[in-house]
N, C-alpha and C. Protein backbone atom coordinates (compact mmCIF):
# COMPACT_ATOMS: atom_id res chain seq x y z
N MET A 1 0.82 -1.08 0.23
CA MET A 1 -0.33 -0.04 0.16
C MET A 1 0.93 1.31 -0.19
N LYS A 2 0.59 2.38 -0.87
CA LYS A 2 1.46 3.12 -0.68
C LYS A 2 1.02 4.28 0.17
N ASN A 3 1.87 5.05 0.34
CA ASN A 3 1.75 6.19 1.36
C ASN A 3 1.20 7.41 0.66
N ASP A 4 -0.13 7.80 0.74
CA ASP A 4 -0.50 9.19 -0.13
C ASP A 4 0.53 10.78 0.78
N ASP A 5 0.63 10.51 1.54
CA ASP A 5 1.66 11.67 1.56
C ASP A 5 2.82 12.23 1.56
N PRO A 6 2.75 13.36 0.60
CA PRO A 6 4.09 13.88 -0.33
C PRO A 6 5.12 13.94 0.85
N PRO A 7 6.45 14.02 0.84
CA PRO A 7 7.32 14.33 1.37
C PRO A 7 7.20 15.43 2.02
N GLY A 8 7.61 15.79 3.38
CA GLY A 8 7.35 16.93 4.06
C GLY A 8 5.68 16.77 4.95
N GLY A 9 4.82 15.90 4.74
CA GLY A 9 3.41 15.68 5.13
C GLY A 9 2.37 16.90 4.57
N GLU A 10 3.06 17.55 3.67
CA GLU A 10 1.72 18.37 3.46
C GLU A 10 1.16 17.85 1.80
N ARG A 11 -0.22 17.85 2.07
CA ARG A 11 -1.27 17.02 1.76
C ARG A 11 -1.73 17.98 0.23
N THR A 12 -2.10 18.22 -1.02
CA THR A 12 -2.58 19.10 -1.92
C THR A 12 -3.68 18.10 -2.70
N GLY A 13 -4.79 18.22 -3.15
CA GLY A 13 -5.41 17.73 -4.29
C GLY A 13 -6.58 16.63 -3.98
N ASP A 14 -6.47 15.77 -4.28
CA ASP A 14 -7.27 14.78 -4.15
C ASP A 14 -6.79 14.09 -3.29
N SER A 15 -5.94 14.03 -2.54
CA SER A 15 -5.41 13.00 -1.66
C SER A 15 -5.66 13.48 -0.22
N VAL A 16 -6.10 15.07 -0.48
CA VAL A 16 -6.51 15.35 1.53
C VAL A 16 -8.29 14.86 0.98
N LEU A 17 -8.97 14.65 -0.02
CA LEU A 17 -10.09 14.36 0.15
C LEU A 17 -10.06 12.54 0.02
N GLY A 18 -9.41 11.69 -0.61
CA GLY A 18 -9.37 10.70 -0.34
C GLY A 18 -8.84 10.27 1.09
N SER A 19 -8.20 11.26 1.85
CA SER A 19 -7.95 10.99 3.05
C SER A 19 -9.08 11.24 4.26
N ALA A 20 -9.47 12.52 3.76
CA ALA A 20 -10.72 12.17 4.68
C ALA A 20 -11.84 11.54 4.56
N LEU A 21 -12.37 11.17 2.99
CA LEU A 21 -12.89 9.69 3.40
C LEU A 21 -12.66 8.66 3.68
N MET A 22 -11.67 8.35 3.93
CA MET A 22 -11.20 7.52 4.68
C MET A 22 -11.36 7.24 6.26
N ASN A 23 -11.03 8.48 6.47
CA ASN A 23 -10.83 9.00 7.95
C ASN A 23 -12.51 9.17 8.48
N HIS A 24 -13.60 9.34 7.05
CA HIS A 24 -14.93 9.07 7.88
C HIS A 24 -15.40 7.70 7.16
N ALA A 25 -14.78 6.69 6.66
CA ALA A 25 -15.41 5.41 6.28
C ALA A 25 -14.73 4.43 7.59
N LEU A 26 -13.61 5.10 8.34
CA LEU A 26 -12.96 4.44 9.41
C LEU A 26 -13.86 5.05 10.52
N ASP A 27 -14.35 5.86 10.66
CA ASP A 27 -15.22 6.72 11.66
C ASP A 27 -16.52 5.92 11.85
N VAL A 28 -16.98 5.25 10.29
CA VAL A 28 -18.32 4.79 10.49
C VAL A 28 -17.98 3.39 10.62
N LEU A 29 -17.10 3.02 10.34
CA LEU A 29 -16.49 1.12 11.00
C LEU A 29 -17.08 1.53 12.47
N ALA A 30 -16.25 2.41 13.01
CA ALA A 30 -15.82 2.16 14.82
C ALA A 30 -17.32 2.88 15.31
N VAL A 31 -17.78 3.42 14.59
CA VAL A 31 -19.46 3.43 15.14
C VAL A 31 -20.29 2.04 15.58
N LEU A 32 -20.02 1.61 14.12
CA LEU A 32 -21.02 0.10 13.91
C LEU A 32 -20.48 -0.99 14.32
N LYS A 33 -19.18 -1.02 15.11
CA LYS A 33 -18.26 -2.09 15.88
C LYS A 33 -18.69 -1.99 17.69
N ASP A 34 -18.97 -0.27 17.82
CA ASP A 34 -19.28 0.17 18.88
C ASP A 34 -20.91 -0.26 19.21
N SER A 35 -21.71 -0.27 18.05
CA SER A 35 -22.95 -0.47 18.01
C SER A 35 -23.30 -2.15 17.92
N GLY A 36 -22.22 -3.30 17.95
CA GLY A 36 -22.10 -4.21 17.82
C GLY A 36 -23.24 -5.30 16.52
N VAL A 37 -22.68 -4.28 15.64
CA VAL A 37 -22.95 -4.31 14.31
C VAL A 37 -21.56 -4.63 13.34
N THR A 38 -21.62 -5.86 12.65
CA THR A 38 -20.51 -6.42 11.93
C THR A 38 -20.78 -6.11 10.43
N VAL A 39 -19.76 -5.80 9.74
CA VAL A 39 -19.54 -5.58 8.07
C VAL A 39 -19.31 -6.93 7.55
N THR A 40 -19.98 -7.94 6.76
CA THR A 40 -19.44 -8.99 6.43
C THR A 40 -19.81 -9.18 4.95
N GLU A 41 -19.24 -10.44 4.34
CA GLU A 41 -19.72 -10.53 2.78
C GLU A 41 -21.22 -10.98 2.18
N LEU A 42 -21.21 -10.94 1.80
CA LEU A 42 -22.83 -11.06 1.15
C LEU A 42 -23.34 -12.76 0.53
N GLU A 43 -21.76 -12.94 0.85
CA GLU A 43 -21.55 -14.90 0.60
C GLU A 43 -20.65 -14.94 1.28
N PRO A 44 -20.43 -16.73 1.54
CA PRO A 44 -19.81 -16.89 2.63
C PRO A 44 -18.20 -17.44 1.84
N THR A 45 -17.37 -17.03 2.81
CA THR A 45 -15.95 -17.32 1.99
C THR A 45 -15.87 -18.77 1.98
N ASP A 46 -14.63 -19.09 1.66
CA ASP A 46 -14.46 -20.46 2.16
C ASP A 46 -14.05 -20.87 3.68
N ALA A 47 -13.05 -19.80 3.82
CA ALA A 47 -13.01 -20.59 5.54
C ALA A 47 -13.97 -20.09 6.19
N MET A 48 -15.01 -19.48 5.82
CA MET A 48 -16.73 -19.49 6.94
C MET A 48 -17.41 -20.89 6.40
N LEU A 49 -17.30 -21.15 5.19
CA LEU A 49 -18.17 -22.69 4.94
C LEU A 49 -17.24 -24.00 5.57
N ARG A 50 -16.00 -23.83 5.37
CA ARG A 50 -15.48 -24.77 6.16
C ARG A 50 -15.43 -24.54 7.83
N ALA A 51 -15.34 -23.52 8.05
CA ALA A 51 -15.85 -23.44 9.84
C ALA A 51 -17.46 -24.02 10.06
N GLY A 52 -18.69 -23.42 8.87
CA GLY A 52 -19.68 -23.99 9.67
C GLY A 52 -19.79 -25.28 9.21
N MET A 53 -19.15 -25.86 8.53
CA MET A 53 -19.14 -27.13 8.11
C MET A 53 -18.56 -28.39 9.15
N ALA A 54 -17.23 -27.69 9.64
CA ALA A 54 -16.47 -28.26 11.39
C ALA A 54 -17.79 -28.22 11.86
N VAL A 55 -18.18 -26.93 12.38
CA VAL A 55 -19.11 -27.19 13.47
C VAL A 55 -20.35 -27.99 13.44
N ALA A 56 -21.08 -27.82 12.71
CA ALA A 56 -22.12 -28.31 12.27
C ALA A 56 -22.35 -29.38 11.51
N GLY A 57 -21.47 -29.77 11.07
CA GLY A 57 -21.21 -30.98 9.86
C GLY A 57 -22.55 -30.88 9.33
N ASN A 58 -22.55 -29.93 8.78
CA ASN A 58 -23.28 -29.78 7.10
C ASN A 58 -22.36 -29.76 5.94
N SER A 59 -23.07 -29.75 5.10
CA SER A 59 -22.31 -29.66 3.55
C SER A 59 -22.14 -28.14 3.50
N ALA A 60 -21.24 -27.82 2.62
CA ALA A 60 -21.45 -26.94 1.96
C ALA A 60 -21.95 -25.70 1.56
N GLU A 61 -23.20 -26.19 1.21
CA GLU A 61 -24.32 -25.65 0.46
C GLU A 61 -25.54 -25.65 1.36
N GLN A 62 -25.27 -26.64 2.43
CA GLN A 62 -26.04 -26.11 3.71
C GLN A 62 -25.55 -25.10 4.34
N VAL A 63 -24.70 -24.74 4.53
CA VAL A 63 -24.14 -23.90 5.38
C VAL A 63 -23.91 -22.69 4.85
N ARG A 64 -24.06 -22.54 3.31
CA ARG A 64 -24.58 -21.45 2.52
C ARG A 64 -25.88 -21.24 2.63
N THR A 65 -26.70 -22.01 2.51
CA THR A 65 -28.22 -21.81 2.50
C THR A 65 -28.46 -21.02 4.22
N ILE A 66 -27.68 -21.20 5.03
CA ILE A 66 -27.85 -20.98 6.87
C ILE A 66 -27.17 -19.74 6.60
N PHE A 67 -26.21 -19.35 5.76
CA PHE A 67 -25.85 -18.01 6.10
C PHE A 67 -26.70 -16.90 5.38
N ARG A 68 -27.15 -17.45 4.28
CA ARG A 68 -27.72 -16.54 3.31
C ARG A 68 -29.10 -16.17 4.68
N ALA A 69 -29.35 -17.11 4.88
CA ALA A 69 -30.96 -17.25 5.99
C ALA A 69 -30.84 -16.08 6.56
N MET A 70 -29.41 -16.04 7.82
CA MET A 70 -29.36 -15.58 8.49
C MET A 70 -29.28 -13.69 7.88
N LEU A 71 -28.46 -13.52 7.10
CA LEU A 71 -28.63 -12.18 6.20
C LEU A 71 -30.18 -12.34 6.23
N VAL A 72 -30.89 -12.66 5.42
CA VAL A 72 -32.13 -11.92 5.41
C VAL A 72 -33.15 -11.42 6.61
N VAL A 73 -32.96 -12.77 7.71
CA VAL A 73 -33.75 -12.21 9.10
C VAL A 73 -32.66 -10.83 9.49
N GLY A 74 -31.41 -10.86 9.18
CA GLY A 74 -30.83 -9.84 10.34
C GLY A 74 -31.61 -8.65 9.08
N GLY A 75 -31.79 -7.66 8.69
CA GLY A 75 -32.50 -7.03 8.17
C GLY A 75 -32.91 -6.63 7.07
N GLY A 76 -33.55 -7.65 6.13
CA GLY A 76 -33.64 -6.94 4.63
C GLY A 76 -32.76 -8.56 3.84
N SER A 77 -33.46 -7.56 2.74
CA SER A 77 -33.05 -8.78 2.04
C SER A 77 -31.45 -8.71 1.37
N VAL A 78 -30.91 -10.25 1.00
CA VAL A 78 -29.32 -10.25 0.87
C VAL A 78 -28.87 -9.16 0.14
N ASN A 79 -29.90 -8.68 -0.90
CA ASN A 79 -29.15 -7.91 -2.05
C ASN A 79 -29.09 -6.58 -1.66
N ARG A 80 -29.28 -6.07 -0.42
CA ARG A 80 -29.82 -5.04 0.02
C ARG A 80 -28.33 -3.91 -0.47
N LEU A 81 -27.48 -4.07 -0.33
CA LEU A 81 -26.12 -3.81 -0.33
C LEU A 81 -25.90 -3.44 -1.96
N GLN A 82 -26.14 -4.15 -2.80
CA GLN A 82 -25.57 -4.27 -4.01
C GLN A 82 -26.17 -3.23 -4.80
């Protein structure tokens, strides 16, 4: 990851806006965390599937279906963020 600060620490142009947007995004994530809200993928990752299969003894497709069902009842349609 590149450092967007030029030598001397002065920022100009888009780097100021980019840094401000990043700071805002990080603030939003902190508020979500403090509220007990987690941001996750819309589909389970391979690691999530493996963990679900190991814990529940279900197939990958069963774990994927359970994951999707939890997202739906957790606040709306699975596609709500797309």
